[in-house]
Amino acid sequence: MKKSTITCDMEGRILTMNEGAEQIFGYSKEELIGKKRVSIFSPGEIVLQNVAGWLEEAVKKGEYVGKTYFIKKSGEKINAKIRITPTFANGKKNDQTGYCGVTEVINEEIDVPINFTTKLIKGLAITRMPFTSASILPILAVGAYFAGVSDGLFNILNFVLCIFGVLIAHLGVNVLNDYFDVKDGTDEENSDYFQQISGGSRAIELGLITLRGTKKLGTILTLIAIAIGGLILLSTNSANITSVILIGLTGLFLGYFYTAPPLRLVARKGLGELTIFLAFGPLITLGTAFAIFNGDLASTQEHLINCLYIGIPMGLLTTNILLINEFPDMKSDKKTNKNHLVVTFGKKKSRWIYLIILLLSIISTYILSNKVGDYLVLVPAAIIAIFGGYIFTVLYKKYNTRELVSANWGTIALQAIFCITICLTLIF
């Protein structure tokens, strides 16, 4: 019986495979080596539930041996015995560089039960729910601002509805973005993405959902968000309704056409980054303010301007999340004409764009502190300067390596820490 032997790096990217692997799985070496990850062979739910545990045991004990089933290129099920061992390209005295998996087909029906927790994680993976903090935290900041100014200024019901409405809208946009990235070939070309950070959810590739199912789910979520928006309008001050409608529709428009043709804003040399800044910054904070303020916000210039300035640094920091996640995806994005800023200027020059955005976020936070008359707001500015400065040094040195991943995670953490700190300072 032929055995499949496949090696991969620490992220699962396929490095080598023997003839047995080609015969067992039905793929040629040219299709997979350097282009796909070993997760292509397993059902997505098994990947989510079991693979991390298998790899952990392989590292701790030197090997993992077990039984599972795989899916051939043709869709046929393969019952198999597997053995996974860690690999050390530079010798065992140095750091681990990947894994080696040996697969042997067996004449035994294998069933891998999927638990309820995995099904929940599947939903999180498909919708990329963890990333919704980027849209929820600005809403909380506006609520904190009005709570800190005085009682009775905002509608609590609409505040809660804004959180749920924007959450659902963000999930819908995430799913539709994945749909269009798969349909236009962007995800197919990308094998360099950082797992869980860039390159989309990979839910379709893992078989967690179909392309058609993705479009359906995205549409349903968007319709639910619109319905929640309708509920918000029912209890919005009449003077603010037009502004709420215009901002809400603008947000949905930008979110949909971020990846959708014919506009495909993400591919238009900076328009994608501008879209993220507006959608996750001023549009959310102003939209929330108009929706929850009990009076005519347009005639209350002080609150209107303050809510605008709350959104600017938040939008800028979220833009940097997008920007730094474009670094590992640059080569594949270029192939599909996804001409964002990193493709347009290259990785080396784009480092300075990241720094400029950091500086703008510090300046706008300083202006915000003056506008609200609260110098505690300078604490978040200091966080950007110190933590953001450290992240930039990592980006500066590691911009063209896989070690950049720590800066990607750091940028996500910076936006969250900044927003939470802003909320606390505005309340107190």
Protein backbone atom coordinates (compact mmCIF):
# COMPACT_ATOMS: atom_id res chain seq x y z
CA MET A 1 0.00 0.00 0.00
CA LYS A 2 1.32 3.41 -0.99
CA LYS A 3 1.94 5.90 1.79
CA SER A 4 1.57 9.63 1.53
CA THR A 5 4.39 11.73 2.98
CA ILE A 6 3.86 15.47 3.10
CA THR A 7 5.89 18.15 4.85
CA CYS A 8 4.72 21.66 5.66
CA ASP A 9 5.94 24.77 7.46
CA MET A 10 4.61 25.99 10.81
CA GLU A 11 1.57 27.56 9.13
CA GLY A 12 0.68 24.44 7.17
CA ARG A 13 1.97 25.55 3.78
CA ILE A 14 2.94 22.46 1.78
CA LEU A 15 6.68 22.19 1.15
CA THR A 16 7.14 18.65 -0.21
CA MET A 17 5.04 15.62 -1.13
CA ASN A 18 5.88 12.21 -2.54
CA GLU A 19 4.27 10.23 -5.35
CA GLY A 20 2.17 8.35 -2.82
CA ALA A 21 0.56 11.62 -1.79
CA GLU A 22 -0.30 12.37 -5.42
CA GLN A 23 -1.88 8.93 -5.86
CA ILE A 24 -3.82 8.95 -2.58
CA PHE A 25 -5.16 12.50 -2.67
CA GLY A 26 -5.43 13.00 -6.43
CA TYR A 27 -3.52 16.29 -6.59
CA SER A 28 -0.29 16.87 -8.51
CA LYS A 29 2.74 18.38 -6.80
CA GLU A 30 2.45 21.42 -9.08
CA GLU A 31 -1.03 22.13 -7.74
CA LEU A 32 -0.06 22.12 -4.08
CA ILE A 33 3.60 22.75 -3.26
CA GLY A 34 4.05 26.36 -2.21
CA LYS A 35 0.44 27.10 -3.16
CA LYS A 36 -1.86 25.32 -0.68
CA ARG A 37 -1.95 24.28 2.96
CA VAL A 38 -2.42 20.79 4.38
CA SER A 39 -5.89 21.79 5.58
CA ILE A 40 -7.05 21.27 1.99
CA PHE A 41 -7.22 17.50 2.66
CA SER A 42 -9.44 17.61 5.77
CA PRO A 43 -13.08 18.62 6.30
CA GLY A 44 -13.15 22.08 7.86
CA GLU A 45 -14.82 21.00 11.10
CA ILE A 46 -12.10 18.42 11.73
CA VAL A 47 -9.47 21.11 11.15
CA LEU A 48 -11.14 23.42 13.67
CA GLN A 49 -11.71 20.74 16.29
CA ASN A 50 -8.74 18.37 16.10
CA VAL A 51 -5.70 19.59 14.21
CA ALA A 52 -4.34 21.97 16.87
CA GLY A 53 -4.49 19.15 19.43
CA TRP A 54 -2.77 16.71 17.10
CA LEU A 55 0.07 19.14 16.46
CA GLU A 56 0.44 19.94 20.14
CA GLU A 57 0.76 16.24 20.99
CA ALA A 58 3.25 15.76 18.14
CA VAL A 59 5.46 18.50 19.58
CA LYS A 60 5.20 17.31 23.20
CA LYS A 61 5.61 13.58 22.58
CA GLY A 62 7.60 13.61 19.37
CA GLU A 63 4.73 12.20 17.32
CA TYR A 64 0.98 11.95 17.03
CA VAL A 65 -0.58 8.73 15.77
CA GLY A 66 -4.30 8.41 15.15
CA LYS A 67 -7.10 7.77 12.71
CA THR A 68 -9.16 10.24 10.74
CA TYR A 69 -10.60 10.67 7.29
CA PHE A 70 -9.58 12.95 4.43
CA ILE A 71 -11.24 14.12 1.23
CA LYS A 72 -9.64 13.47 -2.17
CA LYS A 73 -9.65 16.05 -4.94
CA SER A 74 -12.55 14.14 -6.49
CA GLY A 75 -14.57 14.48 -3.28
CA GLU A 76 -14.17 10.82 -2.31
CA LYS A 77 -13.67 10.02 1.37
CA ILE A 78 -10.36 8.43 2.48
CA ASN A 79 -10.22 6.50 5.76
CA ALA A 80 -6.68 6.78 7.05
CA LYS A 81 -4.14 6.24 9.77
CA ILE A 82 -1.90 9.27 10.27
CA ARG A 83 1.42 9.95 11.93
CA ILE A 84 2.54 13.53 12.51
CA THR A 85 6.04 14.50 13.64
CA PRO A 86 7.74 17.89 14.07
CA THR A 87 10.51 18.78 11.63
CA PHE A 88 13.73 20.73 12.15
CA ALA A 89 15.27 21.93 8.90
CA ASN A 90 18.26 23.40 10.76
CA GLY A 91 18.77 20.53 13.19
CA LYS A 92 16.95 19.58 16.39
CA LYS A 93 19.08 21.96 18.43
CA ASN A 94 17.38 24.83 16.63
CA ASP A 95 13.73 25.91 16.46
CA GLN A 96 11.10 23.70 14.88
CA THR A 97 10.39 24.62 11.26
CA GLY A 98 7.34 22.53 10.42
CA TYR A 99 5.65 19.12 10.43
CA CYS A 100 5.75 15.86 8.51
CA GLY A 101 2.56 13.90 8.01
CA VAL A 102 2.49 10.26 6.88
CA THR A 103 -0.88 8.93 5.74
CA GLU A 104 -1.80 5.29 5.19
CA VAL A 105 -5.18 4.32 3.73
CA ILE A 106 -7.02 1.74 5.89
CA ASN A 107 -10.02 -0.54 5.33
CA GLU A 108 -11.95 0.75 8.31
CA GLU A 109 -14.84 3.20 8.41
CA ILE A 110 -13.71 6.23 10.40
CA ASP A 111 -16.14 8.70 11.90
CA VAL A 112 -14.99 11.87 13.68
CA PRO A 113 -17.78 13.22 15.92
CA ILE A 114 -18.06 17.02 15.86
CA ASN A 115 -18.96 18.59 19.19
CA PHE A 116 -21.20 21.59 19.81
CA THR A 117 -18.32 23.90 20.68
CA THR A 118 -16.75 23.28 17.27
CA LYS A 119 -20.03 24.19 15.59
CA LEU A 120 -20.03 27.48 17.48
CA ILE A 121 -16.42 28.12 16.46
CA LYS A 122 -17.44 27.33 12.88
CA GLY A 123 -19.94 30.19 12.99
CA LEU A 124 -17.29 32.54 14.38
CA ALA A 125 -14.86 31.49 11.64
CA ILE A 126 -17.37 31.97 8.80
CA THR A 127 -18.40 35.45 9.94
CA ARG A 128 -15.02 36.51 11.41
CA MET A 129 -16.89 37.73 14.46
CA PRO A 130 -13.79 38.47 16.61
CA PHE A 131 -12.97 41.36 14.25
CA THR A 132 -16.27 43.11 15.02
CA SER A 133 -14.63 44.82 17.99
CA ALA A 134 -13.39 47.36 15.43
CA SER A 135 -16.99 48.49 14.84
CA ILE A 136 -18.46 47.96 18.33
CA LEU A 137 -15.83 49.86 20.33
CA PRO A 138 -16.44 53.22 18.54
CA ILE A 139 -20.13 52.92 19.44
CA LEU A 140 -19.22 52.31 23.08
CA ALA A 141 -16.97 55.36 22.97
CA VAL A 142 -19.84 57.60 21.84
CA GLY A 143 -22.02 56.15 24.60
CA ALA A 144 -19.23 56.81 27.10
CA TYR A 145 -18.96 60.41 25.87
CA PHE A 146 -22.65 61.16 26.39
CA ALA A 147 -22.68 59.28 29.70
CA GLY A 148 -19.77 61.40 30.86
CA VAL A 149 -21.26 64.73 29.78
CA SER A 150 -24.54 64.45 31.72
CA ASP A 151 -27.57 62.23 32.25
CA GLY A 152 -30.50 62.10 29.90
CA LEU A 153 -28.68 63.11 26.73
CA PHE A 154 -29.04 59.84 24.89
CA ASN A 155 -31.56 57.12 24.13
CA ILE A 156 -30.48 53.89 25.83
CA LEU A 157 -32.70 51.70 23.63
CA ASN A 158 -31.22 53.12 20.43
CA PHE A 159 -27.73 52.75 21.89
CA VAL A 160 -28.31 49.01 22.39
CA LEU A 161 -29.93 48.68 18.95
CA CYS A 162 -26.93 50.46 17.37
CA ILE A 163 -24.58 47.90 18.90
CA PHE A 164 -26.60 44.95 17.58
CA GLY A 165 -27.35 46.59 14.21
CA VAL A 166 -23.72 47.46 13.48
CA LEU A 167 -22.58 44.05 14.74
CA ILE A 168 -24.91 42.24 12.32
CA ALA A 169 -24.05 44.62 9.47
CA HIS A 170 -20.32 44.03 10.06
CA LEU A 171 -20.82 40.26 10.00
CA GLY A 172 -22.81 40.55 6.78
CA VAL A 173 -20.10 42.64 5.14
CA ASN A 174 -17.40 40.19 6.29
CA VAL A 175 -19.25 37.28 4.70
CA LEU A 176 -19.96 39.14 1.45
CA ASN A 177 -16.32 40.28 1.25
CA ASP A 178 -15.27 36.61 1.48
CA TYR A 179 -17.78 35.75 -1.25
CA PHE A 180 -16.36 38.29 -3.69
CA ASP A 181 -12.72 37.52 -2.79
CA VAL A 182 -13.32 33.86 -3.65
CA LYS A 183 -15.34 34.64 -6.75
CA ASP A 184 -12.73 36.97 -8.25
CA GLY A 185 -9.89 34.54 -7.49
CA THR A 186 -8.14 36.61 -4.80
CA ASP A 187 -8.27 33.88 -2.14
CA GLU A 188 -7.33 31.16 -4.64
CA GLU A 189 -4.10 32.97 -5.49
CA ASN A 190 -3.16 33.73 -1.88
CA SER A 191 -1.03 31.15 -0.08
CA ASP A 192 1.09 33.64 1.87
CA TYR A 193 -1.59 34.95 4.23
CA PHE A 194 -1.15 34.87 8.02
CA GLN A 195 -3.63 32.44 9.56
CA GLN A 196 -6.53 34.10 11.44
CA ILE A 197 -5.34 37.58 10.43
CA SER A 198 -5.11 38.16 6.69
CA GLY A 199 -6.40 36.39 3.60
CA GLY A 200 -10.05 36.24 4.67
CA SER A 201 -11.81 33.57 6.71
CA ARG A 202 -10.92 30.65 4.36
CA ALA A 203 -14.31 29.22 5.32
CA ILE A 204 -15.17 28.29 1.72
CA GLU A 205 -11.76 26.74 1.10
CA LEU A 206 -12.13 24.64 4.28
CA GLY A 207 -15.60 23.51 3.24
CA LEU A 208 -17.28 25.16 6.24
CA ILE A 209 -19.76 26.82 3.87
CA THR A 210 -20.37 26.86 0.12
CA LEU A 211 -19.89 29.86 -2.15
CA ARG A 212 -23.64 30.02 -2.68
CA GLY A 213 -24.26 29.64 1.05
CA THR A 214 -21.86 32.51 1.73
CA LYS A 215 -23.79 34.86 -0.52
CA LYS A 216 -27.09 33.80 1.06
CA LEU A 217 -25.81 34.25 4.61
CA GLY A 218 -24.32 37.66 3.81
CA THR A 219 -27.60 38.81 2.27
CA ILE A 220 -29.66 37.59 5.25
CA LEU A 221 -27.38 39.30 7.76
CA THR A 222 -27.52 42.56 5.79
CA LEU A 223 -31.33 42.46 5.67
CA ILE A 224 -31.46 41.86 9.44
CA ALA A 225 -29.16 44.86 9.96
CA ILE A 226 -31.43 47.02 7.80
CA ALA A 227 -34.46 45.86 9.83
CA ILE A 228 -32.69 46.84 13.07
CA GLY A 229 -31.93 50.19 11.44
CA GLY A 230 -35.65 50.61 10.86
CA LEU A 231 -36.31 50.01 14.56
CA ILE A 232 -33.70 52.63 15.44
CA LEU A 233 -35.48 55.20 13.26
CA LEU A 234 -38.76 54.65 15.14
CA SER A 235 -37.31 56.14 18.32
CA THR A 236 -34.78 58.57 16.81
CA ASN A 237 -35.30 62.31 17.28
CA SER A 238 -37.10 63.52 14.13
CA ALA A 239 -34.42 66.17 13.53
CA ASN A 240 -31.75 63.45 13.27
CA ILE A 241 -33.56 60.84 11.13
CA THR A 242 -32.26 62.05 7.75
CA SER A 243 -28.66 62.01 9.01
CA VAL A 244 -29.07 58.50 10.43
CA ILE A 245 -30.46 57.21 7.12
CA LEU A 246 -27.73 58.84 5.01
CA ILE A 247 -24.88 57.65 7.24
CA GLY A 248 -26.33 54.14 7.53
CA LEU A 249 -26.78 53.75 3.77
CA THR A 250 -23.31 55.17 3.13
CA GLY A 251 -21.81 52.62 5.53
CA LEU A 252 -23.61 49.72 3.84
CA PHE A 253 -22.62 51.03 0.40
CA LEU A 254 -18.94 51.25 1.34
CA GLY A 255 -18.98 47.88 3.08
CA TYR A 256 -20.58 46.09 0.12
CA PHE A 257 -18.54 47.71 -2.65
CA TYR A 258 -15.30 47.34 -0.69
CA THR A 259 -14.81 44.06 -2.59
CA ALA A 260 -17.90 43.88 -4.83
CA PRO A 261 -17.74 44.78 -8.53
CA PRO A 262 -17.92 47.05 -10.36
CA LEU A 263 -16.38 49.47 -7.84
CA ARG A 264 -14.19 47.03 -5.86
CA LEU A 265 -12.86 49.91 -3.76
CA VAL A 266 -10.14 47.77 -2.14
CA ALA A 267 -8.41 47.55 -5.53
CA ARG A 268 -8.32 51.28 -6.25
CA LYS A 269 -5.02 52.61 -4.87
CA GLY A 270 -6.03 53.93 -1.48
CA LEU A 271 -9.81 54.04 -1.79
CA GLY A 272 -10.04 50.78 0.17
CA GLU A 273 -8.02 52.23 3.04
CA LEU A 274 -10.09 55.44 2.92
CA THR A 275 -13.24 53.32 3.04
CA ILE A 276 -12.06 51.54 6.19
CA PHE A 277 -11.11 54.85 7.85
CA LEU A 278 -14.53 56.36 7.18
CA ALA A 279 -16.60 53.25 7.92
CA PHE A 280 -14.84 52.33 11.18
CA GLY A 281 -14.27 55.88 12.34
CA PRO A 282 -16.28 59.06 11.70
CA LEU A 283 -19.26 57.34 10.06
CA ILE A 284 -19.84 55.01 13.02
CA THR A 285 -19.33 57.64 15.71
CA LEU A 286 -21.44 60.30 13.96
CA GLY A 287 -24.14 57.78 12.98
CA THR A 288 -24.36 56.54 16.56
CA ALA A 289 -24.47 60.11 17.90
CA PHE A 290 -27.34 61.10 15.58
CA ALA A 291 -29.22 57.91 16.46
CA ILE A 292 -28.95 58.14 20.24
CA PHE A 293 -28.91 61.91 20.93
CA ASN A 294 -32.22 63.10 22.37
CA GLY A 295 -32.03 66.54 20.79
CA ASP A 296 -31.14 68.02 17.40
CA LEU A 297 -27.46 67.05 17.12
CA ALA A 298 -26.84 69.23 14.04
CA SER A 299 -27.72 72.33 16.05
CA THR A 300 -25.51 71.22 18.95
CA GLN A 301 -22.16 71.93 17.38
CA GLU A 302 -20.07 71.00 20.41
CA HIS A 303 -21.35 67.40 20.66
CA LEU A 304 -21.30 66.94 16.87
CA ILE A 305 -17.65 68.01 16.58
CA ASN A 306 -16.60 65.98 19.63
CA CYS A 307 -18.20 62.80 18.24
CA LEU A 308 -16.44 63.44 14.94
CA TYR A 309 -13.07 63.71 16.69
CA ILE A 310 -13.75 60.54 18.69
CA GLY A 311 -14.07 58.66 15.42
CA ILE A 312 -10.95 59.98 13.67
CA PRO A 313 -8.19 58.22 15.68
CA MET A 314 -10.30 55.06 15.90
CA GLY A 315 -10.72 54.99 12.13
CA LEU A 316 -7.02 55.65 11.60
CA LEU A 317 -5.93 52.81 13.88
CA THR A 318 -8.37 50.42 12.18
CA THR A 319 -6.94 51.50 8.83
CA ASN A 320 -3.50 50.46 10.07
CA ILE A 321 -4.91 46.99 10.85
CA LEU A 322 -5.92 46.71 7.19
CA LEU A 323 -2.62 48.18 5.98
CA ILE A 324 -0.32 45.85 7.89
CA ASN A 325 -2.46 42.83 6.93
CA GLU A 326 -1.86 43.74 3.29
CA PHE A 327 1.88 43.04 3.63
CA PRO A 328 1.73 39.20 3.58
CA ASP A 329 -0.98 39.29 0.90
CA MET A 330 0.83 41.68 -1.46
CA LYS A 331 2.12 39.23 -4.08
CA SER A 332 -1.16 37.37 -4.49
CA ASP A 333 -3.23 40.56 -4.40
CA LYS A 334 -1.10 42.01 -7.17
CA LYS A 335 -1.90 39.00 -9.37
CA THR A 336 -5.63 39.69 -9.10
CA ASN A 337 -5.27 43.47 -9.54
CA LYS A 338 -6.14 44.17 -5.91
CA ASN A 339 -4.16 47.40 -6.04
CA HIS A 340 -4.25 48.59 -2.45
CA LEU A 341 -1.58 50.87 -0.96
CA VAL A 342 0.97 48.13 -0.25
CA VAL A 343 0.69 46.84 -3.84
CA THR A 344 0.86 50.40 -5.17
CA PHE A 345 3.89 51.58 -3.16
CA GLY A 346 5.55 48.29 -2.22
CA LYS A 347 6.28 46.93 1.24
CA LYS A 348 9.33 49.06 1.96
CA LYS A 349 7.65 52.43 1.32
CA SER A 350 4.38 51.33 2.93
CA ARG A 351 6.13 51.10 6.29
CA TRP A 352 6.15 54.91 6.33
CA ILE A 353 2.44 55.06 5.52
CA TYR A 354 1.85 53.02 8.67
CA LEU A 355 3.95 55.49 10.69
CA ILE A 356 2.15 58.52 9.20
CA ILE A 357 -1.20 57.02 10.18
CA LEU A 358 0.11 56.44 13.72
CA LEU A 359 1.22 60.07 13.96
CA LEU A 360 -2.13 61.32 12.64
CA SER A 361 -3.94 59.24 15.26
CA ILE A 362 -1.80 60.81 18.01
CA ILE A 363 -2.45 64.33 16.70
CA SER A 364 -6.20 63.76 16.37
CA THR A 365 -6.34 62.33 19.91
CA TYR A 366 -4.55 65.45 21.20
CA ILE A 367 -7.12 67.62 19.43
CA LEU A 368 -9.92 65.52 20.95
CA SER A 369 -8.51 66.06 24.44
CA ASN A 370 -8.63 69.83 23.87
CA LYS A 371 -12.15 69.72 22.44
CA VAL A 372 -13.62 67.78 25.38
CA GLY A 373 -11.44 69.58 27.91
CA ASP A 374 -10.18 66.33 29.39
CA TYR A 375 -6.43 65.79 29.49
CA LEU A 376 -6.90 62.19 30.60
CA VAL A 377 -7.57 61.60 26.90
CA LEU A 378 -3.85 62.12 26.41
CA VAL A 379 -3.32 58.73 28.08
CA PRO A 380 -4.59 56.88 24.96
CA ALA A 381 -2.36 59.15 22.86
CA ALA A 382 0.61 58.07 24.95
CA ILE A 383 -0.37 54.43 24.41
CA ILE A 384 -0.24 54.97 20.65
CA ALA A 385 3.13 56.67 20.91
CA ILE A 386 4.73 53.96 23.08
CA PHE A 387 3.05 50.73 21.98
CA GLY A 388 2.51 51.92 18.41
CA GLY A 389 6.12 53.02 18.20
CA TYR A 390 7.27 49.57 19.27
CA ILE A 391 5.03 47.91 16.67
CA PHE A 392 6.49 50.17 14.00
CA THR A 393 10.04 49.07 14.88
CA VAL A 394 8.96 45.46 14.32
CA LEU A 395 7.32 46.39 11.02
CA TYR A 396 10.41 48.36 9.98
CA LYS A 397 12.71 45.36 10.51
CA LYS A 398 10.44 42.40 9.70
CA TYR A 399 8.25 43.86 6.92
CA ASN A 400 9.32 41.22 4.39
CA THR A 401 9.39 38.14 6.64
CA ARG A 402 6.88 35.83 8.33
CA GLU A 403 8.02 37.23 11.69
CA LEU A 404 5.92 40.30 10.91
CA VAL A 405 2.93 38.42 12.33
CA SER A 406 3.63 39.73 15.85
CA ALA A 407 3.21 43.29 14.54
CA ASN A 408 -0.09 42.32 12.88
CA TRP A 409 -1.46 41.05 16.19
CA GLY A 410 0.02 44.07 17.96
CA THR A 411 -1.81 46.47 15.63
CA ILE A 412 -5.11 44.75 16.38
CA ALA A 413 -4.38 44.95 20.11
CA LEU A 414 -3.39 48.63 19.84
CA GLN A 415 -6.74 49.60 18.30
CA ALA A 416 -8.67 47.69 20.98
CA ILE A 417 -6.61 49.03 23.90
CA PHE A 418 -6.88 52.59 22.57
CA CYS A 419 -10.67 52.38 22.17
CA ILE A 420 -11.20 50.85 25.62
CA THR A 421 -8.99 53.49 27.23
CA ILE A 422 -10.87 56.26 25.40
CA CYS A 423 -14.15 54.86 26.72
CA LEU A 424 -12.85 54.90 30.30
CA THR A 425 -11.41 58.41 30.09
CA LEU A 426 -14.60 59.83 28.51
CA ILE A 427 -16.79 58.33 31.23
CA PHE A 428 -14.69 59.49 34.17
